[in-house]
Amino acid sequence: MSRKRKRHSPTFKAKVAIDALKGDKTSAELASKYEVIPTQISAWKKKLLESSPQIFESKQKGKNAQDSETASLYEEIGRLKMELDWLKKKLT
């Protein structure tokens, strides 16, 4: 008889990893509480610790990317306005 694998949501994984980080309970206690194996809990905890700096960096990178995109758009607007003025001047 084959047993179907459980698929856990990212929210569930984060909740378990945060509980593991708190250190109130052992991984065995958390495993029995959430019905997962202790090695899985430690893997989720490790992944949370590794990816946590990216959570705070993404806002800065997104803002810098948006600023550079905005600057390039303003540059293009200025260039197009100059071309339009030149064309108007040539036609008259």
N, C-alpha and C. Protein backbone atom coordinates (compact mmCIF):
# COMPACT_ATOMS: atom_id res chain seq x y z
N MET A 1 0.84 -1.17 0.00
CA MET A 1 0.00 0.00 0.00
C MET A 1 0.89 1.24 0.00
N SER A 2 0.71 2.09 -1.00
CA SER A 2 1.52 3.30 -1.08
C SER A 2 0.85 4.43 -0.31
N ARG A 3 1.68 5.23 0.27
CA ARG A 3 1.19 6.35 1.06
C ARG A 3 1.43 7.64 0.29
N LYS A 4 0.44 8.49 0.21
CA LYS A 4 0.54 9.72 -0.54
C LYS A 4 1.34 10.76 0.25
N ARG A 5 2.24 11.46 -0.45
CA ARG A 5 3.06 12.49 0.18
C ARG A 5 2.21 13.70 0.53
N LYS A 6 2.52 14.28 1.69
CA LYS A 6 1.85 15.51 2.08
C LYS A 6 2.55 16.70 1.46
N ARG A 7 1.78 17.63 1.01
CA ARG A 7 2.32 18.89 0.48
C ARG A 7 1.94 19.99 1.47
N HIS A 8 2.95 20.64 2.00
CA HIS A 8 2.70 21.68 2.99
C HIS A 8 2.79 23.05 2.33
N SER A 9 1.93 23.94 2.77
CA SER A 9 1.91 25.29 2.22
C SER A 9 3.11 26.08 2.75
N PRO A 10 3.52 27.11 2.03
CA PRO A 10 4.61 27.95 2.52
C PRO A 10 4.30 28.61 3.86
N THR A 11 3.04 28.92 4.10
CA THR A 11 2.64 29.51 5.38
C THR A 11 2.87 28.53 6.52
N PHE A 12 2.50 27.28 6.30
CA PHE A 12 2.70 26.25 7.31
C PHE A 12 4.19 26.06 7.59
N LYS A 13 5.00 26.02 6.53
CA LYS A 13 6.44 25.84 6.68
C LYS A 13 7.05 26.98 7.48
N ALA A 14 6.62 28.21 7.18
CA ALA A 14 7.13 29.37 7.89
C ALA A 14 6.74 29.32 9.36
N LYS A 15 5.52 28.92 9.63
CA LYS A 15 5.04 28.83 11.01
C LYS A 15 5.86 27.82 11.81
N VAL A 16 6.12 26.67 11.22
CA VAL A 16 6.89 25.63 11.89
C VAL A 16 8.33 26.10 12.09
N ALA A 17 8.91 26.73 11.08
CA ALA A 17 10.29 27.21 11.17
C ALA A 17 10.44 28.29 12.24
N ILE A 18 9.46 29.16 12.33
CA ILE A 18 9.51 30.22 13.35
C ILE A 18 9.39 29.61 14.74
N ASP A 19 8.51 28.62 14.89
CA ASP A 19 8.41 27.93 16.18
C ASP A 19 9.72 27.25 16.53
N ALA A 20 10.41 26.70 15.54
CA ALA A 20 11.69 26.06 15.79
C ALA A 20 12.74 27.09 16.19
N LEU A 21 12.68 28.27 15.59
CA LEU A 21 13.64 29.32 15.94
C LEU A 21 13.45 29.85 17.35
N LYS A 22 12.21 29.83 17.81
CA LYS A 22 11.94 30.30 19.16
C LYS A 22 12.70 29.49 20.20
N GLY A 23 12.81 28.20 19.96
CA GLY A 23 13.56 27.33 20.87
C GLY A 23 12.81 26.94 22.13
N ASP A 24 11.51 27.18 22.17
CA ASP A 24 10.72 26.80 23.34
C ASP A 24 10.57 25.28 23.45
N LYS A 25 10.48 24.63 22.31
CA LYS A 25 10.27 23.18 22.29
C LYS A 25 11.38 22.53 21.47
N THR A 26 11.61 21.26 21.72
CA THR A 26 12.60 20.53 20.96
C THR A 26 12.03 20.20 19.58
N SER A 27 12.91 19.80 18.68
CA SER A 27 12.44 19.46 17.34
C SER A 27 11.54 18.22 17.37
N ALA A 28 11.77 17.31 18.31
CA ALA A 28 10.92 16.14 18.43
C ALA A 28 9.51 16.53 18.88
N GLU A 29 9.43 17.48 19.81
CA GLU A 29 8.12 17.95 20.25
C GLU A 29 7.38 18.66 19.12
N LEU A 30 8.11 19.48 18.39
CA LEU A 30 7.48 20.18 17.26
C LEU A 30 7.06 19.19 16.18
N ALA A 31 7.86 18.15 15.96
CA ALA A 31 7.54 17.15 14.95
C ALA A 31 6.24 16.43 15.30
N SER A 32 6.06 16.08 16.57
CA SER A 32 4.83 15.41 16.95
C SER A 32 3.64 16.37 16.91
N LYS A 33 3.88 17.65 17.24
CA LYS A 33 2.80 18.64 17.22
C LYS A 33 2.30 18.90 15.79
N TYR A 34 3.25 19.06 14.85
CA TYR A 34 2.88 19.39 13.47
C TYR A 34 2.83 18.18 12.54
N GLU A 35 3.15 17.02 13.05
CA GLU A 35 3.13 15.76 12.30
C GLU A 35 4.05 15.78 11.08
N VAL A 36 5.27 16.22 11.31
CA VAL A 36 6.34 16.17 10.30
C VAL A 36 7.58 15.60 10.97
N ILE A 37 8.56 15.21 10.16
CA ILE A 37 9.76 14.62 10.75
C ILE A 37 10.72 15.73 11.19
N PRO A 38 11.51 15.48 12.22
CA PRO A 38 12.41 16.51 12.75
C PRO A 38 13.42 17.04 11.73
N THR A 39 13.90 16.19 10.84
CA THR A 39 14.86 16.67 9.84
C THR A 39 14.22 17.68 8.89
N GLN A 40 12.94 17.50 8.62
CA GLN A 40 12.23 18.45 7.76
C GLN A 40 12.13 19.80 8.46
N ILE A 41 11.88 19.78 9.75
CA ILE A 41 11.79 21.02 10.52
C ILE A 41 13.13 21.75 10.49
N SER A 42 14.21 21.02 10.68
CA SER A 42 15.52 21.67 10.66
C SER A 42 15.85 22.21 9.26
N ALA A 43 15.41 21.53 8.22
CA ALA A 43 15.64 22.02 6.86
C ALA A 43 14.87 23.32 6.61
N TRP A 44 13.62 23.37 7.06
CA TRP A 44 12.83 24.59 6.91
C TRP A 44 13.43 25.74 7.73
N LYS A 45 13.91 25.42 8.92
CA LYS A 45 14.54 26.43 9.78
C LYS A 45 15.79 26.99 9.09
N LYS A 46 16.60 26.10 8.52
CA LYS A 46 17.82 26.51 7.84
C LYS A 46 17.49 27.40 6.63
N LYS A 47 16.48 27.01 5.89
CA LYS A 47 16.08 27.78 4.70
C LYS A 47 15.57 29.16 5.11
N LEU A 48 14.84 29.23 6.21
CA LEU A 48 14.34 30.51 6.71
C LEU A 48 15.50 31.41 7.10
N LEU A 49 16.48 30.87 7.78
CA LEU A 49 17.63 31.66 8.20
C LEU A 49 18.45 32.14 7.00
N GLU A 50 18.58 31.31 5.98
CA GLU A 50 19.35 31.68 4.80
C GLU A 50 18.64 32.73 3.95
N SER A 51 17.33 32.66 3.87
CA SER A 51 16.59 33.57 3.00
C SER A 51 16.11 34.83 3.70
N SER A 52 16.25 34.93 5.00
CA SER A 52 15.75 36.10 5.72
C SER A 52 16.43 37.40 5.32
N PRO A 53 17.73 37.46 5.04
CA PRO A 53 18.32 38.74 4.60
C PRO A 53 17.73 39.25 3.29
N GLN A 54 17.32 38.35 2.42
CA GLN A 54 16.76 38.75 1.12
C GLN A 54 15.42 39.46 1.29
N ILE A 55 14.71 39.15 2.35
CA ILE A 55 13.43 39.79 2.59
C ILE A 55 13.62 41.29 2.77
N PHE A 56 14.68 41.67 3.49
CA PHE A 56 14.92 43.06 3.76
C PHE A 56 15.67 43.75 2.63
N GLU A 57 16.42 43.02 1.83
CA GLU A 57 17.15 43.59 0.71
C GLU A 57 16.23 43.90 -0.46
N SER A 58 15.19 43.11 -0.64
CA SER A 58 14.35 43.24 -1.82
C SER A 58 13.71 44.61 -1.93
N LYS A 59 13.35 45.23 -0.83
CA LYS A 59 12.73 46.55 -0.88
C LYS A 59 13.71 47.58 -1.41
N GLN A 60 14.95 47.51 -0.97
CA GLN A 60 15.96 48.46 -1.44
C GLN A 60 16.26 48.25 -2.91
N LYS A 61 16.44 46.99 -3.32
CA LYS A 61 16.74 46.71 -4.72
C LYS A 61 15.59 47.12 -5.61
N GLY A 62 14.38 46.85 -5.18
CA GLY A 62 13.21 47.23 -5.98
C GLY A 62 13.11 48.73 -6.13
N LYS A 63 13.42 49.45 -5.07
CA LYS A 63 13.36 50.91 -5.12
C LYS A 63 14.45 51.45 -6.04
N ASN A 64 15.66 50.90 -5.95
CA ASN A 64 16.74 51.35 -6.82
C ASN A 64 16.44 51.05 -8.28
N ALA A 65 15.87 49.89 -8.54
CA ALA A 65 15.51 49.53 -9.91
C ALA A 65 14.42 50.46 -10.43
N GLN A 66 13.48 50.78 -9.58
CA GLN A 66 12.40 51.67 -9.98
C GLN A 66 12.94 53.08 -10.23
N ASP A 67 13.87 53.55 -9.40
CA ASP A 67 14.45 54.87 -9.59
C ASP A 67 15.22 54.95 -10.91
N SER A 68 15.99 53.90 -11.22
CA SER A 68 16.74 53.92 -12.47
C SER A 68 15.81 53.85 -13.68
N GLU A 69 14.73 53.10 -13.55
CA GLU A 69 13.75 53.03 -14.64
C GLU A 69 13.06 54.37 -14.83
N THR A 70 12.72 55.02 -13.74
CA THR A 70 12.09 56.33 -13.81
C THR A 70 13.03 57.35 -14.44
N ALA A 71 14.30 57.29 -14.06
CA ALA A 71 15.28 58.21 -14.62
C ALA A 71 15.43 58.01 -16.12
N SER A 72 15.46 56.76 -16.56
CA SER A 72 15.58 56.51 -18.00
C SER A 72 14.34 56.97 -18.76
N LEU A 73 13.17 56.84 -18.14
CA LEU A 73 11.94 57.31 -18.79
C LEU A 73 11.92 58.83 -18.90
N TYR A 74 12.36 59.53 -17.85
CA TYR A 74 12.43 60.99 -17.93
C TYR A 74 13.44 61.44 -18.98
N GLU A 75 14.53 60.69 -19.10
CA GLU A 75 15.52 61.00 -20.12
C GLU A 75 14.92 60.86 -21.52
N GLU A 76 14.16 59.80 -21.72
CA GLU A 76 13.53 59.58 -23.02
C GLU A 76 12.48 60.65 -23.31
N ILE A 77 11.72 61.04 -22.28
CA ILE A 77 10.73 62.10 -22.46
C ILE A 77 11.41 63.40 -22.89
N GLY A 78 12.52 63.72 -22.24
CA GLY A 78 13.26 64.93 -22.59
C GLY A 78 13.77 64.89 -24.02
N ARG A 79 14.31 63.73 -24.42
CA ARG A 79 14.83 63.59 -25.78
C ARG A 79 13.70 63.73 -26.81
N LEU A 80 12.56 63.10 -26.55
CA LEU A 80 11.42 63.18 -27.47
C LEU A 80 10.88 64.60 -27.55
N LYS A 81 10.86 65.30 -26.44
CA LYS A 81 10.38 66.68 -26.44
C LYS A 81 11.31 67.56 -27.26
N MET A 82 12.61 67.35 -27.14
CA MET A 82 13.57 68.12 -27.95
C MET A 82 13.39 67.83 -29.43
N GLU A 83 13.18 66.56 -29.79
CA GLU A 83 12.96 66.20 -31.19
C GLU A 83 11.68 66.84 -31.72
N LEU A 84 10.63 66.83 -30.90
CA LEU A 84 9.37 67.44 -31.30
C LEU A 84 9.53 68.94 -31.52
N ASP A 85 10.22 69.60 -30.59
CA ASP A 85 10.46 71.03 -30.75
C ASP A 85 11.27 71.31 -32.02
N TRP A 86 12.26 70.49 -32.29
CA TRP A 86 13.09 70.66 -33.50
C TRP A 86 12.25 70.49 -34.76
N LEU A 87 11.38 69.46 -34.76
CA LEU A 87 10.52 69.23 -35.92
C LEU A 87 9.53 70.39 -36.12
N LYS A 88 8.97 70.90 -35.05
CA LYS A 88 8.05 72.03 -35.15
C LYS A 88 8.77 73.24 -35.73
N LYS A 89 10.00 73.43 -35.29
CA LYS A 89 10.80 74.57 -35.75
C LYS A 89 11.13 74.42 -37.25
N LYS A 90 11.42 73.20 -37.68
CA LYS A 90 11.77 72.95 -39.09
C LYS A 90 10.56 73.11 -40.01
N LEU A 91 9.38 72.75 -39.53
CA LEU A 91 8.18 72.83 -40.36
C LEU A 91 7.71 74.25 -40.56
N THR A 92 7.97 75.12 -39.63
CA THR A 92 7.48 76.50 -39.77
C THR A 92 8.41 77.40 -40.50
